[in-house]
Amino acid sequence: MIFVKGVKIDQPWNEISIGGNITEGGNAVAVPTGDWRVMIPTFHEEKCKHCMLCFPVCADSAIPVESENKRLDFNFHLCKGCGVCFKVCPFEGAITWEKEDK
């Protein structure tokens, strides 16, 4: 039996994760990464050619797709503002990038 700061730990010592180690994968669906955002992308549909280069590079699944040929506006609950979509977009002005005012 192990006690940590007076709390009984019911796991054997060799099954307890080492402090600071991540033992399970996470994802943006489970964790609303949009809360971390400092920079924000803005989608301008009239300039977008729906080439879909932004969709596969979005690490947070924040770019919804209506069909195989049309993307929709960002899901800001999931978007953490990493800027990868902005960098890969070949159409000037389709995605703009600016500091978010919260």
PDB file of N, CA and C in Angstrom:
ATOM      1  N   MET A   1       0.843  -1.170   0.000  1.00  0.00           N
ATOM      2  CA  MET A   1       0.000   0.000   0.000  1.00  0.00           C
ATOM      3  C   MET A   1       0.895   1.242   0.000  1.00  0.00           C
ATOM      4  N   ILE A   2       0.565   2.214  -0.876  1.00  0.00           N
ATOM      5  CA  ILE A   2       1.354   3.436  -1.008  1.00  0.00           C
ATOM      6  C   ILE A   2       0.504   4.616  -0.577  1.00  0.00           C
ATOM      7  N   PHE A   3       1.108   5.534   0.151  1.00  0.00           N
ATOM      8  CA  PHE A   3       0.448   6.779   0.530  1.00  0.00           C
ATOM      9  C   PHE A   3       1.232   7.945  -0.058  1.00  0.00           C
ATOM     10  N   VAL A   4       0.529   8.863  -0.712  1.00  0.00           N
ATOM     11  CA  VAL A   4       1.137  10.068  -1.251  1.00  0.00           C
ATOM     12  C   VAL A   4       0.430  11.250  -0.609  1.00  0.00           C
ATOM     13  N   LYS A   5       1.177  12.016   0.184  1.00  0.00           N
ATOM     14  CA  LYS A   5       0.619  13.152   0.930  1.00  0.00           C
ATOM     15  C   LYS A   5      -0.615  12.719   1.716  1.00  0.00           C
ATOM     16  N   GLY A   6      -0.540  11.563   2.319  1.00  0.00           N
ATOM     17  CA  GLY A   6      -1.619  11.062   3.157  1.00  0.00           C
ATOM     18  C   GLY A   6      -2.771  10.412   2.419  1.00  0.00           C
ATOM     19  N   VAL A   7      -2.697  10.341   1.078  1.00  0.00           N
ATOM     20  CA  VAL A   7      -3.765   9.733   0.289  1.00  0.00           C
ATOM     21  C   VAL A   7      -3.330   8.341  -0.128  1.00  0.00           C
ATOM     22  N   LYS A   8      -4.206   7.364   0.140  1.00  0.00           N
ATOM     23  CA  LYS A   8      -3.912   5.984  -0.212  1.00  0.00           C
ATOM     24  C   LYS A   8      -4.027   5.787  -1.726  1.00  0.00           C
ATOM     25  N   ILE A   9      -2.997   5.219  -2.328  1.00  0.00           N
ATOM     26  CA  ILE A   9      -2.990   4.892  -3.748  1.00  0.00           C
ATOM     27  C   ILE A   9      -3.201   3.385  -3.856  1.00  0.00           C
ATOM     28  N   ASP A  10      -4.257   2.974  -4.547  1.00  0.00           N
ATOM     29  CA  ASP A  10      -4.592   1.558  -4.637  1.00  0.00           C
ATOM     30  C   ASP A  10      -3.905   0.837  -5.785  1.00  0.00           C
ATOM     31  N   GLN A  11      -3.008   1.495  -6.488  1.00  0.00           N
ATOM     32  CA  GLN A  11      -2.289   0.851  -7.576  1.00  0.00           C
ATOM     33  C   GLN A  11      -0.944   0.357  -7.072  1.00  0.00           C
ATOM     34  N   PRO A  12      -0.477  -0.736  -7.627  1.00  0.00           N
ATOM     35  CA  PRO A  12       0.881  -1.162  -7.292  1.00  0.00           C
ATOM     36  C   PRO A  12       1.877  -0.100  -7.756  1.00  0.00           C
ATOM     37  N   TRP A  13       2.986   0.023  -7.080  1.00  0.00           N
ATOM     38  CA  TRP A  13       3.973   1.064  -7.384  1.00  0.00           C
ATOM     39  C   TRP A  13       4.452   1.039  -8.823  1.00  0.00           C
ATOM     40  N   ASN A  14       4.542  -0.162  -9.407  1.00  0.00           N
ATOM     41  CA  ASN A  14       5.065  -0.270 -10.775  1.00  0.00           C
ATOM     42  C   ASN A  14       4.016   0.045 -11.850  1.00  0.00           C
ATOM     43  N   GLU A  15       2.778   0.355 -11.456  1.00  0.00           N
ATOM     44  CA  GLU A  15       1.750   0.745 -12.410  1.00  0.00           C
ATOM     45  C   GLU A  15       1.417   2.233 -12.337  1.00  0.00           C
ATOM     46  N   ILE A  16       2.062   2.954 -11.436  1.00  0.00           N
ATOM     47  CA  ILE A  16       1.835   4.389 -11.313  1.00  0.00           C
ATOM     48  C   ILE A  16       2.730   5.101 -12.323  1.00  0.00           C
ATOM     49  N   SER A  17       2.149   6.042 -13.085  1.00  0.00           N
ATOM     50  CA  SER A  17       2.957   6.761 -14.078  1.00  0.00           C
ATOM     51  C   SER A  17       3.939   7.697 -13.379  1.00  0.00           C
ATOM     52  N   ILE A  18       5.072   7.862 -13.997  1.00  0.00           N
ATOM     53  CA  ILE A  18       6.090   8.756 -13.476  1.00  0.00           C
ATOM     54  C   ILE A  18       5.577  10.185 -13.621  1.00  0.00           C
ATOM     55  N   GLY A  19       5.787  11.013 -12.616  1.00  0.00           N
ATOM     56  CA  GLY A  19       5.294  12.389 -12.635  1.00  0.00           C
ATOM     57  C   GLY A  19       5.640  13.127 -13.911  1.00  0.00           C
ATOM     58  N   GLY A  20       4.654  13.775 -14.499  1.00  0.00           N
ATOM     59  CA  GLY A  20       4.873  14.564 -15.701  1.00  0.00           C
ATOM     60  C   GLY A  20       4.739  13.789 -17.001  1.00  0.00           C
ATOM     61  N   ASN A  21       4.661  12.474 -16.953  1.00  0.00           N
ATOM     62  CA  ASN A  21       4.509  11.694 -18.184  1.00  0.00           C
ATOM     63  C   ASN A  21       3.051  11.646 -18.599  1.00  0.00           C
ATOM     64  N   ILE A  22       2.812  11.761 -19.891  1.00  0.00           N
ATOM     65  CA  ILE A  22       1.471  11.632 -20.433  1.00  0.00           C
ATOM     66  C   ILE A  22       1.282  10.175 -20.810  1.00  0.00           C
ATOM     67  N   THR A  23       0.305   9.534 -20.200  1.00  0.00           N
ATOM     68  CA  THR A  23       0.126   8.103 -20.425  1.00  0.00           C
ATOM     69  C   THR A  23      -0.977   7.778 -21.425  1.00  0.00           C
ATOM     70  N   GLU A  24      -1.796   8.775 -21.803  1.00  0.00           N
ATOM     71  CA  GLU A  24      -2.856   8.535 -22.768  1.00  0.00           C
ATOM     72  C   GLU A  24      -2.861   9.661 -23.798  1.00  0.00           C
ATOM     73  N   GLY A  25      -3.279   9.334 -24.998  1.00  0.00           N
ATOM     74  CA  GLY A  25      -3.373  10.343 -26.033  1.00  0.00           C
ATOM     75  C   GLY A  25      -4.540  11.277 -25.801  1.00  0.00           C
ATOM     76  N   GLY A  26      -4.414  12.481 -26.272  1.00  0.00           N
ATOM     77  CA  GLY A  26      -5.494  13.455 -26.190  1.00  0.00           C
ATOM     78  C   GLY A  26      -5.867  13.897 -27.586  1.00  0.00           C
ATOM     79  N   ASN A  27      -6.934  14.635 -27.686  1.00  0.00           N
ATOM     80  CA  ASN A  27      -7.331  15.164 -28.982  1.00  0.00           C
ATOM     81  C   ASN A  27      -8.174  16.407 -28.775  1.00  0.00           C
ATOM     82  N   ALA A  28      -8.347  17.172 -29.828  1.00  0.00           N
ATOM     83  CA  ALA A  28      -9.062  18.435 -29.730  1.00  0.00           C
ATOM     84  C   ALA A  28     -10.554  18.246 -29.513  1.00  0.00           C
ATOM     85  N   VAL A  29     -11.084  17.090 -29.840  1.00  0.00           N
ATOM     86  CA  VAL A  29     -12.504  16.850 -29.598  1.00  0.00           C
ATOM     87  C   VAL A  29     -12.754  16.710 -28.100  1.00  0.00           C
ATOM     88  N   ALA A  30     -11.837  16.052 -27.394  1.00  0.00           N
ATOM     89  CA  ALA A  30     -11.981  15.864 -25.960  1.00  0.00           C
ATOM     90  C   ALA A  30     -11.560  17.093 -25.158  1.00  0.00           C
ATOM     91  N   VAL A  31     -10.618  17.852 -25.691  1.00  0.00           N
ATOM     92  CA  VAL A  31     -10.088  19.032 -24.998  1.00  0.00           C
ATOM     93  C   VAL A  31     -10.329  20.252 -25.881  1.00  0.00           C
ATOM     94  N   PRO A  32     -11.135  21.223 -25.437  1.00  0.00           N
ATOM     95  CA  PRO A  32     -11.427  22.387 -26.282  1.00  0.00           C
ATOM     96  C   PRO A  32     -10.208  23.302 -26.430  1.00  0.00           C
ATOM     97  N   THR A  33      -9.358  22.999 -27.401  1.00  0.00           N
ATOM     98  CA  THR A  33      -8.111  23.731 -27.577  1.00  0.00           C
ATOM     99  C   THR A  33      -8.334  25.178 -28.010  1.00  0.00           C
ATOM    100  N   GLY A  34      -9.526  25.518 -28.436  1.00  0.00           N
ATOM    101  CA  GLY A  34      -9.827  26.895 -28.808  1.00  0.00           C
ATOM    102  C   GLY A  34      -9.678  27.865 -27.648  1.00  0.00           C
ATOM    103  N   ASP A  35      -9.745  27.366 -26.427  1.00  0.00           N
ATOM    104  CA  ASP A  35      -9.575  28.226 -25.252  1.00  0.00           C
ATOM    105  C   ASP A  35      -8.154  28.754 -25.132  1.00  0.00           C
ATOM    106  N   TRP A  36      -7.187  28.145 -25.788  1.00  0.00           N
ATOM    107  CA  TRP A  36      -5.775  28.529 -25.678  1.00  0.00           C
ATOM    108  C   TRP A  36      -5.387  29.599 -26.688  1.00  0.00           C
ATOM    109  N   ARG A  37      -6.230  29.847 -27.642  1.00  0.00           N
ATOM    110  CA  ARG A  37      -5.882  30.639 -28.820  1.00  0.00           C
ATOM    111  C   ARG A  37      -5.510  32.084 -28.480  1.00  0.00           C
ATOM    112  N   VAL A  38      -4.459  32.570 -29.128  1.00  0.00           N
ATOM    113  CA  VAL A  38      -4.054  33.981 -29.064  1.00  0.00           C
ATOM    114  C   VAL A  38      -4.240  34.608 -30.443  1.00  0.00           C
ATOM    115  N   MET A  39      -3.879  33.856 -31.475  1.00  0.00           N
ATOM    116  CA  MET A  39      -4.071  34.298 -32.852  1.00  0.00           C
ATOM    117  C   MET A  39      -5.289  33.566 -33.421  1.00  0.00           C
ATOM    118  N   ILE A  40      -5.956  34.216 -34.369  1.00  0.00           N
ATOM    119  CA  ILE A  40      -7.183  33.624 -34.913  1.00  0.00           C
ATOM    120  C   ILE A  40      -7.211  33.740 -36.442  1.00  0.00           C
ATOM    121  N   PRO A  41      -7.592  32.646 -37.110  1.00  0.00           N
ATOM    122  CA  PRO A  41      -7.761  32.723 -38.554  1.00  0.00           C
ATOM    123  C   PRO A  41      -9.182  33.194 -38.884  1.00  0.00           C
ATOM    124  N   THR A  42      -9.316  33.855 -40.009  1.00  0.00           N
ATOM    125  CA  THR A  42     -10.637  34.249 -40.494  1.00  0.00           C
ATOM    126  C   THR A  42     -10.789  33.682 -41.895  1.00  0.00           C
ATOM    127  N   PHE A  43     -11.889  32.999 -42.122  1.00  0.00           N
ATOM    128  CA  PHE A  43     -12.170  32.359 -43.405  1.00  0.00           C
ATOM    129  C   PHE A  43     -12.968  33.320 -44.276  1.00  0.00           C
ATOM    130  N   HIS A  44     -12.495  33.567 -45.492  1.00  0.00           N
ATOM    131  CA  HIS A  44     -13.178  34.426 -46.459  1.00  0.00           C
ATOM    132  C   HIS A  44     -13.608  33.548 -47.631  1.00  0.00           C
ATOM    133  N   GLU A  45     -14.827  33.067 -47.560  1.00  0.00           N
ATOM    134  CA  GLU A  45     -15.320  32.080 -48.523  1.00  0.00           C
ATOM    135  C   GLU A  45     -15.266  32.577 -49.968  1.00  0.00           C
ATOM    136  N   GLU A  46     -15.475  33.866 -50.183  1.00  0.00           N
ATOM    137  CA  GLU A  46     -15.486  34.389 -51.555  1.00  0.00           C
ATOM    138  C   GLU A  46     -14.111  34.303 -52.216  1.00  0.00           C
ATOM    139  N   LYS A  47     -13.043  34.203 -51.438  1.00  0.00           N
ATOM    140  CA  LYS A  47     -11.686  34.087 -51.992  1.00  0.00           C
ATOM    141  C   LYS A  47     -11.174  32.646 -51.985  1.00  0.00           C
ATOM    142  N   CYS A  48     -11.889  31.765 -51.292  1.00  0.00           N
ATOM    143  CA  CYS A  48     -11.493  30.357 -51.176  1.00  0.00           C
ATOM    144  C   CYS A  48     -11.883  29.603 -52.457  1.00  0.00           C
ATOM    145  N   LYS A  49     -10.982  28.783 -52.959  1.00  0.00           N
ATOM    146  CA  LYS A  49     -11.255  27.968 -54.152  1.00  0.00           C
ATOM    147  C   LYS A  49     -11.537  26.512 -53.772  1.00  0.00           C
ATOM    148  N   HIS A  50     -11.652  26.255 -52.476  1.00  0.00           N
ATOM    149  CA  HIS A  50     -11.965  24.922 -51.950  1.00  0.00           C
ATOM    150  C   HIS A  50     -11.017  23.847 -52.473  1.00  0.00           C
ATOM    151  N   CYS A  51      -9.741  24.183 -52.453  1.00  0.00           N
ATOM    152  CA  CYS A  51      -8.712  23.225 -52.869  1.00  0.00           C
ATOM    153  C   CYS A  51      -8.477  22.162 -51.795  1.00  0.00           C
ATOM    154  N   MET A  52      -8.899  22.452 -50.586  1.00  0.00           N
ATOM    155  CA  MET A  52      -8.850  21.539 -49.442  1.00  0.00           C
ATOM    156  C   MET A  52      -7.439  21.257 -48.928  1.00  0.00           C
ATOM    157  N   LEU A  53      -6.475  22.110 -49.243  1.00  0.00           N
ATOM    158  CA  LEU A  53      -5.132  21.926 -48.692  1.00  0.00           C
ATOM    159  C   LEU A  53      -5.091  22.205 -47.191  1.00  0.00           C
ATOM    160  N   CYS A  54      -5.979  23.050 -46.716  1.00  0.00           N
ATOM    161  CA  CYS A  54      -6.009  23.398 -45.289  1.00  0.00           C
ATOM    162  C   CYS A  54      -6.569  22.268 -44.425  1.00  0.00           C
ATOM    163  N   PHE A  55      -7.538  21.550 -44.945  1.00  0.00           N
ATOM    164  CA  PHE A  55      -8.236  20.528 -44.168  1.00  0.00           C
ATOM    165  C   PHE A  55      -7.328  19.425 -43.598  1.00  0.00           C
ATOM    166  N   PRO A  56      -6.478  18.794 -44.407  1.00  0.00           N
ATOM    167  CA  PRO A  56      -5.675  17.703 -43.851  1.00  0.00           C
ATOM    168  C   PRO A  56      -4.554  18.149 -42.908  1.00  0.00           C
ATOM    169  N   VAL A  57      -4.150  19.421 -42.966  1.00  0.00           N
ATOM    170  CA  VAL A  57      -3.069  19.866 -42.084  1.00  0.00           C
ATOM    171  C   VAL A  57      -3.581  20.379 -40.744  1.00  0.00           C
ATOM    172  N   CYS A  58      -4.878  20.536 -40.595  1.00  0.00           N
ATOM    173  CA  CYS A  58      -5.429  21.025 -39.330  1.00  0.00           C
ATOM    174  C   CYS A  58      -5.344  19.920 -38.277  1.00  0.00           C
ATOM    175  N   ALA A  59      -4.495  20.157 -37.294  1.00  0.00           N
ATOM    176  CA  ALA A  59      -4.263  19.146 -36.255  1.00  0.00           C
ATOM    177  C   ALA A  59      -5.438  19.008 -35.292  1.00  0.00           C
ATOM    178  N   ASP A  60      -6.353  19.949 -35.322  1.00  0.00           N
ATOM    179  CA  ASP A  60      -7.439  19.958 -34.347  1.00  0.00           C
ATOM    180  C   ASP A  60      -8.817  19.706 -34.936  1.00  0.00           C
ATOM    181  N   SER A  61      -8.889  19.299 -36.180  1.00  0.00           N
ATOM    182  CA  SER A  61     -10.174  19.054 -36.861  1.00  0.00           C
ATOM    183  C   SER A  61     -11.085  20.268 -36.764  1.00  0.00           C
ATOM    184  N   ALA A  62     -10.507  21.454 -36.875  1.00  0.00           N
ATOM    185  CA  ALA A  62     -11.258  22.697 -36.729  1.00  0.00           C
ATOM    186  C   ALA A  62     -11.785  23.241 -38.051  1.00  0.00           C
ATOM    187  N   ILE A  63     -11.544  22.518 -39.144  1.00  0.00           N
ATOM    188  CA  ILE A  63     -12.040  22.947 -40.453  1.00  0.00           C
ATOM    189  C   ILE A  63     -13.087  21.933 -40.909  1.00  0.00           C
ATOM    190  N   PRO A  64     -14.360  22.255 -40.711  1.00  0.00           N
ATOM    191  CA  PRO A  64     -15.405  21.324 -41.129  1.00  0.00           C
ATOM    192  C   PRO A  64     -15.585  21.338 -42.645  1.00  0.00           C
ATOM    193  N   VAL A  65     -16.000  20.206 -43.165  1.00  0.00           N
ATOM    194  CA  VAL A  65     -16.222  20.055 -44.604  1.00  0.00           C
ATOM    195  C   VAL A  65     -17.661  19.621 -44.820  1.00  0.00           C
ATOM    196  N   GLU A  66     -18.363  20.383 -45.667  1.00  0.00           N
ATOM    197  CA  GLU A  66     -19.767  20.096 -45.957  1.00  0.00           C
ATOM    198  C   GLU A  66     -19.904  18.920 -46.924  1.00  0.00           C
ATOM    199  N   SER A  67     -19.051  18.903 -47.887  1.00  0.00           N
ATOM    200  CA  SER A  67     -19.020  17.811 -48.854  1.00  0.00           C
ATOM    201  C   SER A  67     -17.569  17.670 -49.292  1.00  0.00           C
ATOM    202  N   GLU A  68     -17.320  16.828 -50.243  1.00  0.00           N
ATOM    203  CA  GLU A  68     -15.942  16.658 -50.710  1.00  0.00           C
ATOM    204  C   GLU A  68     -15.411  17.907 -51.402  1.00  0.00           C
ATOM    205  N   ASN A  69     -16.301  18.817 -51.774  1.00  0.00           N
ATOM    206  CA  ASN A  69     -15.870  19.972 -52.551  1.00  0.00           C
ATOM    207  C   ASN A  69     -16.000  21.313 -51.838  1.00  0.00           C
ATOM    208  N   LYS A  70     -16.444  21.339 -50.581  1.00  0.00           N
ATOM    209  CA  LYS A  70     -16.662  22.624 -49.933  1.00  0.00           C
ATOM    210  C   LYS A  70     -16.347  22.581 -48.444  1.00  0.00           C
ATOM    211  N   ARG A  71     -15.434  23.445 -48.031  1.00  0.00           N
ATOM    212  CA  ARG A  71     -15.134  23.587 -46.608  1.00  0.00           C
ATOM    213  C   ARG A  71     -16.016  24.681 -46.016  1.00  0.00           C
ATOM    214  N   LEU A  72     -16.173  24.666 -44.709  1.00  0.00           N
ATOM    215  CA  LEU A  72     -16.985  25.657 -44.017  1.00  0.00           C
ATOM    216  C   LEU A  72     -16.090  26.526 -43.132  1.00  0.00           C
ATOM    217  N   ASP A  73     -16.698  27.462 -42.410  1.00  0.00           N
ATOM    218  CA  ASP A  73     -15.943  28.328 -41.505  1.00  0.00           C
ATOM    219  C   ASP A  73     -15.343  27.498 -40.378  1.00  0.00           C
ATOM    220  N   PHE A  74     -14.352  28.046 -39.720  1.00  0.00           N
ATOM    221  CA  PHE A  74     -13.641  27.358 -38.641  1.00  0.00           C
ATOM    222  C   PHE A  74     -14.550  27.017 -37.469  1.00  0.00           C
ATOM    223  N   ASN A  75     -14.259  25.922 -36.823  1.00  0.00           N
ATOM    224  CA  ASN A  75     -14.886  25.580 -35.553  1.00  0.00           C
ATOM    225  C   ASN A  75     -13.959  26.148 -34.475  1.00  0.00           C
ATOM    226  N   PHE A  76     -14.314  27.296 -33.923  1.00  0.00           N
ATOM    227  CA  PHE A  76     -13.427  27.980 -32.990  1.00  0.00           C
ATOM    228  C   PHE A  76     -13.389  27.335 -31.612  1.00  0.00           C
ATOM    229  N   HIS A  77     -14.275  26.402 -31.372  1.00  0.00           N
ATOM    230  CA  HIS A  77     -14.211  25.611 -30.137  1.00  0.00           C
ATOM    231  C   HIS A  77     -12.975  24.706 -30.178  1.00  0.00           C
ATOM    232  N   LEU A  78     -12.591  24.292 -31.381  1.00  0.00           N
ATOM    233  CA  LEU A  78     -11.460  23.384 -31.552  1.00  0.00           C
ATOM    234  C   LEU A  78     -10.177  24.081 -32.014  1.00  0.00           C
ATOM    235  N   CYS A  79     -10.293  25.184 -32.734  1.00  0.00           N
ATOM    236  CA  CYS A  79      -9.120  25.852 -33.313  1.00  0.00           C
ATOM    237  C   CYS A  79      -8.256  26.481 -32.230  1.00  0.00           C
ATOM    238  N   LYS A  80      -6.986  26.074 -32.189  1.00  0.00           N
ATOM    239  CA  LYS A  80      -6.067  26.645 -31.204  1.00  0.00           C
ATOM    240  C   LYS A  80      -5.220  27.769 -31.783  1.00  0.00           C
ATOM    241  N   GLY A  81      -5.418  28.099 -33.044  1.00  0.00           N
ATOM    242  CA  GLY A  81      -4.722  29.223 -33.652  1.00  0.00           C
ATOM    243  C   GLY A  81      -3.270  28.953 -33.976  1.00  0.00           C
ATOM    244  N   CYS A  82      -2.970  27.758 -34.449  1.00  0.00           N
ATOM    245  CA  CYS A  82      -1.573  27.404 -34.742  1.00  0.00           C
ATOM    246  C   CYS A  82      -1.071  28.057 -36.032  1.00  0.00           C
ATOM    247  N   GLY A  83      -1.973  28.362 -36.981  1.00  0.00           N
ATOM    248  CA  GLY A  83      -1.592  29.051 -38.209  1.00  0.00           C
ATOM    249  C   GLY A  83      -1.176  28.177 -39.367  1.00  0.00           C
ATOM    250  N   VAL A  84      -1.222  26.871 -39.215  1.00  0.00           N
ATOM    251  CA  VAL A  84      -0.796  25.995 -40.304  1.00  0.00           C
ATOM    252  C   VAL A  84      -1.708  26.170 -41.523  1.00  0.00           C
ATOM    253  N   CYS A  85      -2.997  26.284 -41.306  1.00  0.00           N
ATOM    254  CA  CYS A  85      -3.931  26.470 -42.422  1.00  0.00           C
ATOM    255  C   CYS A  85      -3.612  27.745 -43.199  1.00  0.00           C
ATOM    256  N   PHE A  86      -3.300  28.795 -42.495  1.00  0.00           N
ATOM    257  CA  PHE A  86      -2.938  30.074 -43.109  1.00  0.00           C
ATOM    258  C   PHE A  86      -1.675  29.933 -43.958  1.00  0.00           C
ATOM    259  N   LYS A  87      -0.700  29.184 -43.454  1.00  0.00           N
ATOM    260  CA  LYS A  87       0.571  29.000 -44.159  1.00  0.00           C
ATOM    261  C   LYS A  87       0.416  28.188 -45.444  1.00  0.00           C
ATOM    262  N   VAL A  88      -0.451  27.169 -45.421  1.00  0.00           N
ATOM    263  CA  VAL A  88      -0.564  26.300 -46.601  1.00  0.00           C
ATOM    264  C   VAL A  88      -1.544  26.817 -47.651  1.00  0.00           C
ATOM    265  N   CYS A  89      -2.388  27.755 -47.289  1.00  0.00           N
ATOM    266  CA  CYS A  89      -3.397  28.241 -48.237  1.00  0.00           C
ATOM    267  C   CYS A  89      -2.728  28.995 -49.392  1.00  0.00           C
ATOM    268  N   PRO A  90      -2.925  28.535 -50.643  1.00  0.00           N
ATOM    269  CA  PRO A  90      -2.282  29.181 -51.788  1.00  0.00           C
ATOM    270  C   PRO A  90      -3.048  30.389 -52.327  1.00  0.00           C
ATOM    271  N   PHE A  91      -4.239  30.663 -51.803  1.00  0.00           N
ATOM    272  CA  PHE A  91      -5.077  31.733 -52.335  1.00  0.00           C
ATOM    273  C   PHE A  91      -5.057  32.934 -51.393  1.00  0.00           C
ATOM    274  N   GLU A  92      -4.409  33.991 -51.845  1.00  0.00           N
ATOM    275  CA  GLU A  92      -4.212  35.175 -51.009  1.00  0.00           C
ATOM    276  C   GLU A  92      -5.549  35.732 -50.520  1.00  0.00           C
ATOM    277  N   GLY A  93      -5.628  35.899 -49.215  1.00  0.00           N
ATOM    278  CA  GLY A  93      -6.813  36.482 -48.604  1.00  0.00           C
ATOM    279  C   GLY A  93      -7.924  35.505 -48.274  1.00  0.00           C
ATOM    280  N   ALA A  94      -7.792  34.220 -48.644  1.00  0.00           N
ATOM    281  CA  ALA A  94      -8.835  33.246 -48.321  1.00  0.00           C
ATOM    282  C   ALA A  94      -8.865  32.965 -46.811  1.00  0.00           C
ATOM    283  N   ILE A  95      -7.683  32.980 -46.205  1.00  0.00           N
ATOM    284  CA  ILE A  95      -7.572  32.865 -44.747  1.00  0.00           C
ATOM    285  C   ILE A  95      -6.673  34.018 -44.297  1.00  0.00           C
ATOM    286  N   THR A  96      -7.200  34.858 -43.439  1.00  0.00           N
ATOM    287  CA  THR A  96      -6.369  35.916 -42.871  1.00  0.00           C
ATOM    288  C   THR A  96      -6.055  35.546 -41.428  1.00  0.00           C
ATOM    289  N   TRP A  97      -5.048  36.187 -40.895  1.00  0.00           N
ATOM    290  CA  TRP A  97      -4.473  35.775 -39.611  1.00  0.00           C
ATOM    291  C   TRP A  97      -4.229  37.016 -38.770  1.00  0.00           C
ATOM    292  N   GLU A  98      -4.816  37.076 -37.587  1.00  0.00           N
ATOM    293  CA  GLU A  98      -4.619  38.255 -36.742  1.00  0.00           C
ATOM    294  C   GLU A  98      -4.747  37.907 -35.271  1.00  0.00           C
ATOM    295  N   LYS A  99      -4.311  38.821 -34.433  1.00  0.00           N
ATOM    296  CA  LYS A  99      -4.397  38.631 -32.995  1.00  0.00           C
ATOM    297  C   LYS A  99      -5.850  38.671 -32.569  1.00  0.00           C
ATOM    298  N   GLU A 100      -6.239  37.731 -31.723  1.00  0.00           N
ATOM    299  CA  GLU A 100      -7.622  37.674 -31.259  1.00  0.00           C
ATOM    300  C   GLU A 100      -7.814  38.576 -30.051  1.00  0.00           C
ATOM    301  N   ASP A 101      -8.878  39.354 -30.087  1.00  0.00           N
ATOM    302  CA  ASP A 101      -9.240  40.181 -28.927  1.00  0.00           C
ATOM    303  C   ASP A 101     -10.310  39.434 -28.149  1.00  0.00           C
ATOM    304  N   LYS A 102      -9.944  39.030 -26.928  1.00  0.00           N
ATOM    305  CA  LYS A 102     -10.906  38.262 -26.120  1.00  0.00           C
ATOM    306  C   LYS A 102     -11.543  39.143 -25.083  1.00  0.00           C
TER     307      LYS A 102
END
